Amino acid sequence: MKHKPTSLDIAHLAGVSQSTVSRALNDSPLVNIATRKKVQEIAAQLNYQVDKNASNLRRQRSNTIALLLFEDPTSDDSLVNPFFLAMLGSITRACAAKGYDLLVSFQDLDSNWQAQYEDSHKADGLILLGYGDYRAYAGKLTQLRQQHTHVMRWGAPVAESPGISIGCDNVSGGQSIAAHLLSHGYRRFAFIGDIGDKAPEFQGRYEGFVTRLSPEATHIQLDAISTQDAGAAAAQRLMNGAAPLPDAIVCAADIIAVGVLATLHKAGIKVPDQVAVVGFDNIQVAALTTPSLTTVQQNTNQAGEKLVENLLLAINEQPTKDHLLPATLIVRQSCGCQV
């Protein structure tokens, strides 16, 4: 074959239509695996290269995904929750594996970010990262769906916007913490984390924790946003209270637990000898605290892959559904019951 190979050549040799060739080369599940493999093998033999610019022009696509990071209050100047730094890497790798560029943008929740990307062909779809106050952007999610914008978010599934959420099974994560601590004799607990409507992830962790407690167990709950300073302030409130310290302090996020550990250490309270501390997220610093932090791990690699995989399904007008990824308890020194 002397001329530059085309998709028509592949279609002729494979005995399929040109549209089937296009779908097969894009790994569309609408084409069965055997046909996809046959088409891709023929394309490789012909040294066929997809003209991405022409393809994107026909489809009005940019071959780019926009990742929008929302401001989170932090103890430093980053305004990025440390948990999302690990997920950023996994999303970048997942996009590269699918041949997509990733546009990372830092967003103010008060801005008109929902109208700036797909409509202007900057990106084919959006991934939303950042806890913040869910109530502050819930209405914008509805607007995105009304605009038929392709969007996927990390977080707890919400009834108002089905099929766009990849999240952790926060309830089972909270249950695993309660079961582990109860099995090692802990009975009096404090849960630190905001469990209002603006934090559905924290709500799930709290719900799982309290529903797994035994009848003889007691607990109190203190609000705190996801920052080290908030954790420190909550720990101080516990120490200033009339009641004795609980047996264990369960924090809705590791970054809260870091503040709790620092405050207890400063007050001369030994962890885990006098009180155990548990977090949630398994951010990098959790293994480096003194003592190292017992926590619940969210699989950031799988999270990134699922976010990209499901967004590409939506971009290709295929059905998507919410996914909850498993939560895994990581037992370290801070609860005094390593296994």
C-alpha atoms as a PDB file:
ATOM      1  CA  MET A   1       0.000   0.000   0.000  1.00  0.00           C
ATOM      2  CA  LYS A   2       1.794   3.108  -1.301  1.00  0.00           C
ATOM      3  CA  HIS A   3      -0.665   5.792  -0.167  1.00  0.00           C
ATOM      4  CA  LYS A   4      -1.032   6.859   3.424  1.00  0.00           C
ATOM      5  CA  PRO A   5      -3.364   4.327   5.080  1.00  0.00           C
ATOM      6  CA  THR A   6      -6.843   5.537   6.019  1.00  0.00           C
ATOM      7  CA  SER A   7      -9.667   4.275   8.155  1.00  0.00           C
ATOM      8  CA  LEU A   8     -11.368   3.156   4.919  1.00  0.00           C
ATOM      9  CA  ASP A   9      -8.447   0.825   4.244  1.00  0.00           C
ATOM     10  CA  ILE A  10      -8.777  -0.674   7.707  1.00  0.00           C
ATOM     11  CA  ALA A  11     -12.544  -1.025   7.312  1.00  0.00           C
ATOM     12  CA  HIS A  12     -12.063  -2.877   3.987  1.00  0.00           C
ATOM     13  CA  LEU A  13      -9.494  -5.300   5.412  1.00  0.00           C
ATOM     14  CA  ALA A  14     -11.470  -5.879   8.621  1.00  0.00           C
ATOM     15  CA  GLY A  15     -14.800  -6.234   6.846  1.00  0.00           C
ATOM     16  CA  VAL A  16     -16.493  -3.601   8.983  1.00  0.00           C
ATOM     17  CA  SER A  17     -17.825  -0.063   8.523  1.00  0.00           C
ATOM     18  CA  GLN A  18     -15.678   3.049   8.854  1.00  0.00           C
ATOM     19  CA  SER A  19     -17.652   4.103  11.932  1.00  0.00           C
ATOM     20  CA  THR A  20     -16.884   0.733  13.549  1.00  0.00           C
ATOM     21  CA  VAL A  21     -13.190   1.328  12.868  1.00  0.00           C
ATOM     22  CA  SER A  22     -13.403   4.702  14.566  1.00  0.00           C
ATOM     23  CA  ARG A  23     -15.142   3.237  17.611  1.00  0.00           C
ATOM     24  CA  ALA A  24     -12.729   0.297  17.795  1.00  0.00           C
ATOM     25  CA  LEU A  25      -9.680   2.556  17.689  1.00  0.00           C
ATOM     26  CA  ASN A  26     -11.214   4.557  20.561  1.00  0.00           C
ATOM     27  CA  ASP A  27     -11.808   1.381  22.615  1.00  0.00           C
ATOM     28  CA  SER A  28     -15.570   1.903  22.580  1.00  0.00           C
ATOM     29  CA  PRO A  29     -17.476  -0.829  24.446  1.00  0.00           C
ATOM     30  CA  LEU A  30     -20.079  -0.595  21.682  1.00  0.00           C
ATOM     31  CA  VAL A  31     -17.691  -2.740  19.596  1.00  0.00           C
ATOM     32  CA  ASN A  32     -17.110  -6.292  20.798  1.00  0.00           C
ATOM     33  CA  ILE A  33     -13.638  -7.199  22.026  1.00  0.00           C
ATOM     34  CA  ALA A  34     -12.798  -9.513  19.123  1.00  0.00           C
ATOM     35  CA  THR A  35     -13.623  -6.860  16.512  1.00  0.00           C
ATOM     36  CA  ARG A  36     -11.745  -4.179  18.440  1.00  0.00           C
ATOM     37  CA  LYS A  37      -8.675  -6.413  18.589  1.00  0.00           C
ATOM     38  CA  LYS A  38      -8.888  -7.243  14.866  1.00  0.00           C
ATOM     39  CA  VAL A  39      -9.219  -3.587  13.861  1.00  0.00           C
ATOM     40  CA  GLN A  40      -6.394  -2.486  16.131  1.00  0.00           C
ATOM     41  CA  GLU A  41      -4.082  -5.217  14.840  1.00  0.00           C
ATOM     42  CA  ILE A  42      -4.744  -4.198  11.225  1.00  0.00           C
ATOM     43  CA  ALA A  43      -4.156  -0.557  12.117  1.00  0.00           C
ATOM     44  CA  ALA A  44      -0.827  -1.495  13.686  1.00  0.00           C
ATOM     45  CA  GLN A  45       0.197  -3.548  10.622  1.00  0.00           C
ATOM     46  CA  LEU A  46      -0.575  -0.576   8.349  1.00  0.00           C
ATOM     47  CA  ASN A  47       1.190   1.815  10.733  1.00  0.00           C
ATOM     48  CA  TYR A  48      -2.016   3.839  10.783  1.00  0.00           C
ATOM     49  CA  GLN A  49      -1.914   7.020  12.881  1.00  0.00           C
ATOM     50  CA  VAL A  50      -5.075   8.800  13.987  1.00  0.00           C
ATOM     51  CA  ASP A  51      -5.154  12.442  12.909  1.00  0.00           C
ATOM     52  CA  LYS A  52      -6.269  13.805  16.272  1.00  0.00           C
ATOM     53  CA  ASN A  53      -6.740  17.355  15.044  1.00  0.00           C
ATOM     54  CA  ALA A  54      -9.045  16.286  12.230  1.00  0.00           C
ATOM     55  CA  SER A  55     -10.888  13.846  14.464  1.00  0.00           C
ATOM     56  CA  ASN A  56     -11.403  16.425  17.196  1.00  0.00           C
ATOM     57  CA  LEU A  57     -12.545  19.024  14.659  1.00  0.00           C
ATOM     58  CA  ARG A  58     -15.217  16.671  13.327  1.00  0.00           C
ATOM     59  CA  ARG A  59     -16.410  15.878  16.832  1.00  0.00           C
ATOM     60  CA  GLN A  60     -15.885  19.401  18.195  1.00  0.00           C
ATOM     61  CA  ARG A  61     -13.623  17.952  20.853  1.00  0.00           C
ATOM     62  CA  SER A  62     -10.486  19.271  22.464  1.00  0.00           C
ATOM     63  CA  ASN A  63      -9.167  15.885  23.635  1.00  0.00           C
ATOM     64  CA  THR A  64      -8.672  17.581  26.997  1.00  0.00           C
ATOM     65  CA  ILE A  65     -10.170  16.992  30.428  1.00  0.00           C
ATOM     66  CA  ALA A  66     -10.382  19.884  32.888  1.00  0.00           C
ATOM     67  CA  LEU A  67      -9.655  19.134  36.540  1.00  0.00           C
ATOM     68  CA  LEU A  68     -11.110  21.825  38.779  1.00  0.00           C
ATOM     69  CA  LEU A  69      -9.617  22.039  42.264  1.00  0.00           C
ATOM     70  CA  PHE A  70     -11.689  24.022  44.728  1.00  0.00           C
ATOM     71  CA  GLU A  71     -10.229  25.995  47.585  1.00  0.00           C
ATOM     72  CA  ASP A  72     -10.090  24.178  50.902  1.00  0.00           C
ATOM     73  CA  PRO A  73      -9.128  26.036  54.073  1.00  0.00           C
ATOM     74  CA  THR A  74      -5.639  24.852  55.064  1.00  0.00           C
ATOM     75  CA  SER A  75      -3.032  25.693  57.675  1.00  0.00           C
ATOM     76  CA  ASP A  76      -0.601  26.735  54.922  1.00  0.00           C
ATOM     77  CA  ASP A  77      -0.891  28.819  51.757  1.00  0.00           C
ATOM     78  CA  SER A  78      -1.698  25.917  49.413  1.00  0.00           C
ATOM     79  CA  LEU A  79      -5.490  25.906  49.979  1.00  0.00           C
ATOM     80  CA  VAL A  80      -5.415  22.298  48.734  1.00  0.00           C
ATOM     81  CA  ASN A  81      -6.402  19.384  50.959  1.00  0.00           C
ATOM     82  CA  PRO A  82      -3.340  17.052  51.080  1.00  0.00           C
ATOM     83  CA  PHE A  83      -5.557  14.102  50.190  1.00  0.00           C
ATOM     84  CA  PHE A  84      -6.164  15.531  46.720  1.00  0.00           C
ATOM     85  CA  LEU A  85      -2.469  15.868  45.900  1.00  0.00           C
ATOM     86  CA  ALA A  86      -2.174  12.074  45.654  1.00  0.00           C
ATOM     87  CA  MET A  87      -5.349  11.866  43.585  1.00  0.00           C
ATOM     88  CA  LEU A  88      -4.032  14.530  41.207  1.00  0.00           C
ATOM     89  CA  GLY A  89      -1.176  12.214  40.259  1.00  0.00           C
ATOM     90  CA  SER A  90      -3.472   9.256  39.604  1.00  0.00           C
ATOM     91  CA  ILE A  91      -5.828  11.356  37.447  1.00  0.00           C
ATOM     92  CA  THR A  92      -2.876  12.648  35.415  1.00  0.00           C
ATOM     93  CA  ARG A  93      -1.660   9.093  34.754  1.00  0.00           C
ATOM     94  CA  ALA A  94      -5.167   7.882  33.865  1.00  0.00           C
ATOM     95  CA  CYS A  95      -5.623  10.720  31.351  1.00  0.00           C
ATOM     96  CA  ALA A  96      -2.252  10.002  29.749  1.00  0.00           C
ATOM     97  CA  ALA A  97      -3.154   6.324  29.403  1.00  0.00           C
ATOM     98  CA  LYS A  98      -6.303   7.295  27.507  1.00  0.00           C
ATOM     99  CA  GLY A  99      -4.508   9.800  25.270  1.00  0.00           C
ATOM    100  CA  TYR A 100      -6.072  12.851  26.910  1.00  0.00           C
ATOM    101  CA  ASP A 101      -4.439  16.060  28.064  1.00  0.00           C
ATOM    102  CA  LEU A 102      -5.272  17.323  31.551  1.00  0.00           C
ATOM    103  CA  LEU A 103      -5.969  20.981  32.235  1.00  0.00           C
ATOM    104  CA  VAL A 104      -5.683  21.712  35.962  1.00  0.00           C
ATOM    105  CA  SER A 105      -7.384  24.849  37.209  1.00  0.00           C
ATOM    106  CA  PHE A 106      -7.740  26.285  40.684  1.00  0.00           C
ATOM    107  CA  GLN A 107     -11.272  27.554  41.270  1.00  0.00           C
ATOM    108  CA  ASP A 108     -13.077  29.884  43.617  1.00  0.00           C
ATOM    109  CA  LEU A 109     -16.441  28.380  44.542  1.00  0.00           C
ATOM    110  CA  ASP A 110     -18.058  31.785  44.113  1.00  0.00           C
ATOM    111  CA  SER A 111     -16.958  32.153  40.484  1.00  0.00           C
ATOM    112  CA  ASN A 112     -18.888  31.121  37.380  1.00  0.00           C
ATOM    113  CA  TRP A 113     -16.640  28.108  36.779  1.00  0.00           C
ATOM    114  CA  GLN A 114     -19.469  25.866  35.584  1.00  0.00           C
ATOM    115  CA  ALA A 115     -19.845  27.826  32.331  1.00  0.00           C
ATOM    116  CA  GLN A 116     -16.218  28.208  31.305  1.00  0.00           C
ATOM    117  CA  TYR A 117     -14.913  24.915  29.975  1.00  0.00           C
ATOM    118  CA  GLU A 118     -16.963  22.537  27.859  1.00  0.00           C
ATOM    119  CA  ASP A 119     -19.139  25.250  26.348  1.00  0.00           C
ATOM    120  CA  SER A 120     -16.037  27.099  25.106  1.00  0.00           C
ATOM    121  CA  HIS A 121     -14.402  23.830  23.940  1.00  0.00           C
ATOM    122  CA  LYS A 122     -11.536  24.229  26.391  1.00  0.00           C
ATOM    123  CA  ALA A 123     -12.293  20.709  27.594  1.00  0.00           C
ATOM    124  CA  ASP A 124     -14.567  17.792  26.740  1.00  0.00           C
ATOM    125  CA  GLY A 125     -15.558  17.276  30.346  1.00  0.00           C
ATOM    126  CA  LEU A 126     -14.884  18.274  33.937  1.00  0.00           C
ATOM    127  CA  ILE A 127     -13.566  16.487  37.018  1.00  0.00           C
ATOM    128  CA  LEU A 128     -14.346  18.263  40.290  1.00  0.00           C
ATOM    129  CA  LEU A 129     -12.096  17.823  43.336  1.00  0.00           C
ATOM    130  CA  GLY A 130     -12.362  19.495  46.710  1.00  0.00           C
ATOM    131  CA  TYR A 131     -14.610  19.085  49.688  1.00  0.00           C
ATOM    132  CA  GLY A 132     -15.355  22.652  50.701  1.00  0.00           C
ATOM    133  CA  ASP A 133     -18.982  23.334  51.499  1.00  0.00           C
ATOM    134  CA  TYR A 134     -21.139  21.025  49.383  1.00  0.00           C
ATOM    135  CA  ARG A 135     -24.109  23.379  49.714  1.00  0.00           C
ATOM    136  CA  ALA A 136     -22.083  26.119  47.998  1.00  0.00           C
ATOM    137  CA  TYR A 137     -21.897  24.255  44.696  1.00  0.00           C
ATOM    138  CA  ALA A 138     -24.822  21.803  44.766  1.00  0.00           C
ATOM    139  CA  GLY A 139     -26.894  24.173  42.621  1.00  0.00           C
ATOM    140  CA  LYS A 140     -24.089  24.452  40.084  1.00  0.00           C
ATOM    141  CA  LEU A 141     -24.044  20.678  39.679  1.00  0.00           C
ATOM    142  CA  THR A 142     -27.700  20.852  38.709  1.00  0.00           C
ATOM    143  CA  GLN A 143     -26.908  23.628  36.248  1.00  0.00           C
ATOM    144  CA  LEU A 144     -24.140  21.526  34.704  1.00  0.00           C
ATOM    145  CA  ARG A 145     -26.575  18.669  34.121  1.00  0.00           C
ATOM    146  CA  GLN A 146     -29.126  21.038  32.594  1.00  0.00           C
ATOM    147  CA  GLN A 147     -26.421  22.319  30.221  1.00  0.00           C
ATOM    148  CA  HIS A 148     -25.569  18.690  29.324  1.00  0.00           C
ATOM    149  CA  THR A 149     -22.018  19.268  30.469  1.00  0.00           C
ATOM    150  CA  HIS A 150     -20.027  16.081  31.001  1.00  0.00           C
ATOM    151  CA  VAL A 151     -18.909  16.080  34.611  1.00  0.00           C
ATOM    152  CA  MET A 152     -17.593  13.674  37.223  1.00  0.00           C
ATOM    153  CA  ARG A 153     -16.862  14.513  40.862  1.00  0.00           C
ATOM    154  CA  TRP A 154     -15.076  12.903  43.775  1.00  0.00           C
ATOM    155  CA  GLY A 155     -17.412  12.627  46.724  1.00  0.00           C
ATOM    156  CA  ALA A 156     -20.417  10.938  48.245  1.00  0.00           C
ATOM    157  CA  PRO A 157     -23.217  10.229  45.738  1.00  0.00           C
ATOM    158  CA  VAL A 158     -26.080  12.716  45.889  1.00  0.00           C
ATOM    159  CA  ALA A 159     -29.662  11.963  44.879  1.00  0.00           C
ATOM    160  CA  GLU A 160     -30.073  15.252  43.003  1.00  0.00           C
ATOM    161  CA  SER A 161     -27.213  14.418  40.588  1.00  0.00           C
ATOM    162  CA  PRO A 162     -27.071  10.659  40.005  1.00  0.00           C
ATOM    163  CA  GLY A 163     -24.345   8.972  38.007  1.00  0.00           C
ATOM    164  CA  ILE A 164     -21.628  11.601  38.370  1.00  0.00           C
ATOM    165  CA  SER A 165     -19.926  10.641  41.652  1.00  0.00           C
ATOM    166  CA  ILE A 166     -16.963   8.425  42.449  1.00  0.00           C
ATOM    167  CA  GLY A 167     -16.379   8.209  46.177  1.00  0.00           C
ATOM    168  CA  CYS A 168     -15.220   6.124  49.106  1.00  0.00           C
ATOM    169  CA  ASP A 169     -17.498   3.859  51.104  1.00  0.00           C
ATOM    170  CA  ASN A 170     -17.314   6.220  54.063  1.00  0.00           C
ATOM    171  CA  VAL A 171     -19.952   4.339  56.041  1.00  0.00           C
ATOM    172  CA  SER A 172     -18.022   1.051  55.972  1.00  0.00           C
ATOM    173  CA  GLY A 173     -14.838   2.959  56.795  1.00  0.00           C
ATOM    174  CA  GLY A 174     -16.467   4.379  59.928  1.00  0.00           C
ATOM    175  CA  GLN A 175     -17.796   0.939  60.823  1.00  0.00           C
ATOM    176  CA  SER A 176     -14.332  -0.613  60.555  1.00  0.00           C
ATOM    177  CA  ILE A 177     -12.919   1.975  62.967  1.00  0.00           C
ATOM    178  CA  ALA A 178     -15.642   1.285  65.543  1.00  0.00           C
ATOM    179  CA  ALA A 179     -15.316  -2.482  65.235  1.00  0.00           C
ATOM    180  CA  HIS A 180     -11.549  -2.368  65.656  1.00  0.00           C
ATOM    181  CA  LEU A 181     -11.573  -0.072  68.672  1.00  0.00           C
ATOM    182  CA  LEU A 182     -14.397  -1.983  70.379  1.00  0.00           C
ATOM    183  CA  SER A 183     -12.548  -5.261  69.881  1.00  0.00           C
ATOM    184  CA  HIS A 184      -9.599  -3.798  71.803  1.00  0.00           C
ATOM    185  CA  GLY A 185     -11.615  -2.625  74.778  1.00  0.00           C
ATOM    186  CA  TYR A 186     -12.288   1.030  73.962  1.00  0.00           C
ATOM    187  CA  ARG A 187     -15.722   2.174  75.116  1.00  0.00           C
ATOM    188  CA  ARG A 188     -15.754   5.995  75.480  1.00  0.00           C
ATOM    189  CA  PHE A 189     -15.291   7.954  72.276  1.00  0.00           C
ATOM    190  CA  ALA A 190     -15.150  11.440  70.788  1.00  0.00           C
ATOM    191  CA  PHE A 191     -15.783  11.959  67.078  1.00  0.00           C
ATOM    192  CA  ILE A 192     -14.269  15.149  65.619  1.00  0.00           C
ATOM    193  CA  GLY A 193     -15.620  16.390  62.288  1.00  0.00           C
ATOM    194  CA  ASP A 194     -18.448  18.510  60.900  1.00  0.00           C
ATOM    195  CA  ILE A 195     -21.418  16.220  60.215  1.00  0.00           C
ATOM    196  CA  GLY A 196     -23.789  18.851  58.788  1.00  0.00           C
ATOM    197  CA  ASP A 197     -25.238  18.928  55.273  1.00  0.00           C
ATOM    198  CA  LYS A 198     -22.196  20.723  53.890  1.00  0.00           C
ATOM    199  CA  ALA A 199     -19.966  17.679  54.527  1.00  0.00           C
ATOM    200  CA  PRO A 200     -21.642  14.467  53.271  1.00  0.00           C
ATOM    201  CA  GLU A 201     -18.339  12.542  53.418  1.00  0.00           C
ATOM    202  CA  PHE A 202     -17.934  13.308  57.120  1.00  0.00           C
ATOM    203  CA  GLN A 203     -21.611  12.478  57.644  1.00  0.00           C
ATOM    204  CA  GLY A 204     -21.059   9.003  56.201  1.00  0.00           C
ATOM    205  CA  ARG A 205     -18.003   8.350  58.352  1.00  0.00           C
ATOM    206  CA  TYR A 206     -19.852   9.430  61.475  1.00  0.00           C
ATOM    207  CA  GLU A 207     -22.944   7.420  60.572  1.00  0.00           C
ATOM    208  CA  GLY A 208     -20.905   4.260  60.040  1.00  0.00           C
ATOM    209  CA  PHE A 209     -19.021   4.782  63.275  1.00  0.00           C
ATOM    210  CA  VAL A 210     -21.991   5.374  65.579  1.00  0.00           C
ATOM    211  CA  THR A 211     -24.198   2.667  64.086  1.00  0.00           C
ATOM    212  CA  ARG A 212     -21.477   0.082  64.787  1.00  0.00           C
ATOM    213  CA  LEU A 213     -20.995   1.060  68.444  1.00  0.00           C
ATOM    214  CA  SER A 214     -22.099  -1.425  71.073  1.00  0.00           C
ATOM    215  CA  PRO A 215     -24.918  -0.512  73.515  1.00  0.00           C
ATOM    216  CA  GLU A 216     -22.506   0.072  76.397  1.00  0.00           C
ATOM    217  CA  ALA A 217     -20.307   2.458  74.383  1.00  0.00           C
ATOM    218  CA  THR A 218     -20.712   6.233  74.704  1.00  0.00           C
ATOM    219  CA  HIS A 219     -19.619   9.056  72.430  1.00  0.00           C
ATOM    220  CA  ILE A 220     -19.657  12.796  71.950  1.00  0.00           C
ATOM    221  CA  GLN A 221     -19.278  14.686  68.666  1.00  0.00           C
ATOM    222  CA  LEU A 222     -17.427  17.959  68.046  1.00  0.00           C
ATOM    223  CA  ASP A 223     -17.596  19.941  64.804  1.00  0.00           C
ATOM    224  CA  ALA A 224     -14.380  20.651  62.925  1.00  0.00           C
ATOM    225  CA  ILE A 225     -13.597  21.456  59.309  1.00  0.00           C
ATOM    226  CA  SER A 226     -10.802  19.588  57.537  1.00  0.00           C
ATOM    227  CA  THR A 227      -7.779  21.507  58.835  1.00  0.00           C
ATOM    228  CA  GLN A 228      -5.014  20.952  61.350  1.00  0.00           C
ATOM    229  CA  ASP A 229      -6.018  24.110  63.242  1.00  0.00           C
ATOM    230  CA  ALA A 230      -9.608  22.898  63.577  1.00  0.00           C
ATOM    231  CA  GLY A 231      -8.392  19.571  64.973  1.00  0.00           C
ATOM    232  CA  ALA A 232      -6.179  21.364  67.476  1.00  0.00           C
ATOM    233  CA  ALA A 233      -9.060  23.571  68.607  1.00  0.00           C
ATOM    234  CA  ALA A 234     -11.376  20.579  69.043  1.00  0.00           C
ATOM    235  CA  ALA A 235      -8.774  18.724  71.099  1.00  0.00           C
ATOM    236  CA  GLN A 236      -8.402  21.796  73.288  1.00  0.00           C
ATOM    237  CA  ARG A 237     -12.162  21.873  73.851  1.00  0.00           C
ATOM    238  CA  LEU A 238     -12.039  18.242  74.929  1.00  0.00           C
ATOM    239  CA  MET A 239      -9.256  18.937  77.419  1.00  0.00           C
ATOM    240  CA  ASN A 240     -11.043  22.014  78.771  1.00  0.00           C
ATOM    241  CA  GLY A 241     -14.301  20.134  79.319  1.00  0.00           C
ATOM    242  CA  ALA A 242     -15.537  18.917  82.674  1.00  0.00           C
ATOM    243  CA  ALA A 243     -15.652  15.281  81.550  1.00  0.00           C
ATOM    244  CA  PRO A 244     -12.510  13.132  81.497  1.00  0.00           C
ATOM    245  CA  LEU A 245     -10.840  12.494  78.167  1.00  0.00           C
ATOM    246  CA  PRO A 246     -12.418   9.677  76.128  1.00  0.00           C
ATOM    247  CA  ASP A 247     -10.665   6.388  75.539  1.00  0.00           C
ATOM    248  CA  ALA A 248     -10.297   7.190  71.838  1.00  0.00           C
ATOM    249  CA  ILE A 249     -10.657  10.217  69.562  1.00  0.00           C
ATOM    250  CA  VAL A 250     -11.898   9.420  66.044  1.00  0.00           C
ATOM    251  CA  CYS A 251     -11.203  12.147  63.481  1.00  0.00           C
ATOM    252  CA  ALA A 252     -13.125  12.514  60.229  1.00  0.00           C
ATOM    253  CA  ALA A 253      -9.861  13.293  58.365  1.00  0.00           C
ATOM    254  CA  ASP A 254      -6.155  12.728  58.935  1.00  0.00           C
ATOM    255  CA  ILE A 255      -5.390  16.431  58.778  1.00  0.00           C
ATOM    256  CA  ILE A 256      -7.759  16.943  61.737  1.00  0.00           C
ATOM    257  CA  ALA A 257      -5.992  14.118  63.586  1.00  0.00           C
ATOM    258  CA  VAL A 258      -2.597  15.786  63.023  1.00  0.00           C
ATOM    259  CA  GLY A 259      -3.867  18.840  64.906  1.00  0.00           C
ATOM    260  CA  VAL A 260      -5.279  16.638  67.661  1.00  0.00           C
ATOM    261  CA  LEU A 261      -1.970  14.777  68.093  1.00  0.00           C
ATOM    262  CA  ALA A 262       0.015  18.029  68.267  1.00  0.00           C
ATOM    263  CA  THR A 263      -2.298  19.503  70.915  1.00  0.00           C
ATOM    264  CA  LEU A 264      -2.293  16.372  73.060  1.00  0.00           C
ATOM    265  CA  HIS A 265       1.504  16.179  72.857  1.00  0.00           C
ATOM    266  CA  LYS A 266       1.849  19.826  73.871  1.00  0.00           C
ATOM    267  CA  ALA A 267      -0.385  19.154  76.907  1.00  0.00           C
ATOM    268  CA  GLY A 268       1.718  16.155  77.951  1.00  0.00           C
ATOM    269  CA  ILE A 269      -1.038  13.630  77.189  1.00  0.00           C
ATOM    270  CA  LYS A 270       0.429  10.389  75.882  1.00  0.00           C
ATOM    271  CA  VAL A 271      -0.977   8.702  72.786  1.00  0.00           C
ATOM    272  CA  PRO A 272      -2.019   5.883  72.866  1.00  0.00           C
ATOM    273  CA  ASP A 273      -1.356   5.255  76.584  1.00  0.00           C
ATOM    274  CA  GLN A 274      -3.910   7.812  77.789  1.00  0.00           C
ATOM    275  CA  VAL A 275      -6.049   8.253  74.684  1.00  0.00           C
ATOM    276  CA  ALA A 276      -6.053   6.661  71.242  1.00  0.00           C
ATOM    277  CA  VAL A 277      -6.356   8.720  68.048  1.00  0.00           C
ATOM    278  CA  VAL A 278      -7.661   7.531  64.662  1.00  0.00           C
ATOM    279  CA  GLY A 279      -7.905   9.421  61.364  1.00  0.00           C
ATOM    280  CA  PHE A 280      -9.355   8.908  57.897  1.00  0.00           C
ATOM    281  CA  ASP A 281      -7.733   9.241  54.414  1.00  0.00           C
ATOM    282  CA  ASN A 282      -4.203   7.807  54.910  1.00  0.00           C
ATOM    283  CA  ILE A 283      -2.454  10.889  53.570  1.00  0.00           C
ATOM    284  CA  GLN A 284       1.342  10.651  53.425  1.00  0.00           C
ATOM    285  CA  VAL A 285       1.936  12.368  56.754  1.00  0.00           C
ATOM    286  CA  ALA A 286      -0.187   9.768  58.595  1.00  0.00           C
ATOM    287  CA  ALA A 287       2.704   7.299  58.616  1.00  0.00           C
ATOM    288  CA  LEU A 288       5.144   9.990  59.782  1.00  0.00           C
ATOM    289  CA  THR A 289       3.379  11.398  62.856  1.00  0.00           C
ATOM    290  CA  THR A 290       4.537  10.485  66.351  1.00  0.00           C
ATOM    291  CA  PRO A 291       3.036   8.055  67.059  1.00  0.00           C
ATOM    292  CA  SER A 292       2.144   6.930  63.540  1.00  0.00           C
ATOM    293  CA  LEU A 293      -1.552   7.358  62.836  1.00  0.00           C
ATOM    294  CA  THR A 294      -4.120   4.587  62.576  1.00  0.00           C
ATOM    295  CA  THR A 295      -6.399   5.588  59.707  1.00  0.00           C
ATOM    296  CA  VAL A 296      -8.658   4.470  56.873  1.00  0.00           C
ATOM    297  CA  GLN A 297      -7.153   4.349  53.399  1.00  0.00           C
ATOM    298  CA  GLN A 298      -8.983   5.541  50.312  1.00  0.00           C
ATOM    299  CA  ASN A 299      -7.539   4.066  47.127  1.00  0.00           C
ATOM    300  CA  THR A 300      -6.432   7.170  45.230  1.00  0.00           C
ATOM    301  CA  ASN A 301      -5.060   5.193  42.276  1.00  0.00           C
ATOM    302  CA  GLN A 302      -8.370   3.457  41.698  1.00  0.00           C
ATOM    303  CA  ALA A 303     -10.205   6.733  42.328  1.00  0.00           C
ATOM    304  CA  GLY A 304      -8.313   8.535  39.561  1.00  0.00           C
ATOM    305  CA  GLU A 305      -8.858   5.700  37.110  1.00  0.00           C
ATOM    306  CA  LYS A 306     -12.582   5.538  37.852  1.00  0.00           C
ATOM    307  CA  LEU A 307     -13.056   9.291  37.558  1.00  0.00           C
ATOM    308  CA  VAL A 308     -11.411   9.379  34.125  1.00  0.00           C
ATOM    309  CA  GLU A 309     -13.010   6.126  32.933  1.00  0.00           C
ATOM    310  CA  ASN A 310     -16.532   7.255  33.828  1.00  0.00           C
ATOM    311  CA  LEU A 311     -16.062  10.765  32.475  1.00  0.00           C
ATOM    312  CA  LEU A 312     -14.986   9.307  29.119  1.00  0.00           C
ATOM    313  CA  LEU A 313     -18.103   7.133  29.125  1.00  0.00           C
ATOM    314  CA  ALA A 314     -20.205  10.264  29.614  1.00  0.00           C
ATOM    315  CA  ILE A 315     -18.300  12.128  26.901  1.00  0.00           C
ATOM    316  CA  ASN A 316     -19.082   9.266  24.519  1.00  0.00           C
ATOM    317  CA  GLU A 317     -22.779   9.479  25.490  1.00  0.00           C
ATOM    318  CA  GLN A 318     -22.721   6.166  27.341  1.00  0.00           C
ATOM    319  CA  PRO A 319     -24.478   5.579  30.667  1.00  0.00           C
ATOM    320  CA  THR A 320     -22.583   6.082  33.919  1.00  0.00           C
ATOM    321  CA  LYS A 321     -23.357   5.227  37.499  1.00  0.00           C
ATOM    322  CA  ASP A 322     -22.093   6.243  40.919  1.00  0.00           C
ATOM    323  CA  HIS A 323     -19.298   4.120  42.391  1.00  0.00           C
ATOM    324  CA  LEU A 324     -18.228   3.628  46.003  1.00  0.00           C
ATOM    325  CA  LEU A 325     -14.664   2.355  46.382  1.00  0.00           C
ATOM    326  CA  PRO A 326     -13.709   0.187  49.368  1.00  0.00           C
ATOM    327  CA  ALA A 327     -12.201   1.684  52.515  1.00  0.00           C
ATOM    328  CA  THR A 328      -9.330  -0.166  54.222  1.00  0.00           C
ATOM    329  CA  LEU A 329      -8.353   0.212  57.876  1.00  0.00           C
ATOM    330  CA  ILE A 330      -4.605   0.794  58.345  1.00  0.00           C
ATOM    331  CA  VAL A 331      -3.613   0.008  61.945  1.00  0.00           C
ATOM    332  CA  ARG A 332      -0.596   1.870  63.319  1.00  0.00           C
ATOM    333  CA  GLN A 333       0.713   2.992  66.709  1.00  0.00           C
ATOM    334  CA  SER A 334      -1.787   5.711  67.644  1.00  0.00           C
ATOM    335  CA  CYS A 335      -4.465   3.303  68.856  1.00  0.00           C
ATOM    336  CA  GLY A 336      -2.145   1.016  70.806  1.00  0.00           C
ATOM    337  CA  CYS A 337      -3.517  -2.107  69.160  1.00  0.00           C
ATOM    338  CA  GLN A 338      -1.311  -2.874  66.162  1.00  0.00           C
ATOM    339  CA  VAL A 339      -1.871  -6.246  64.540  1.00  0.00           C
END
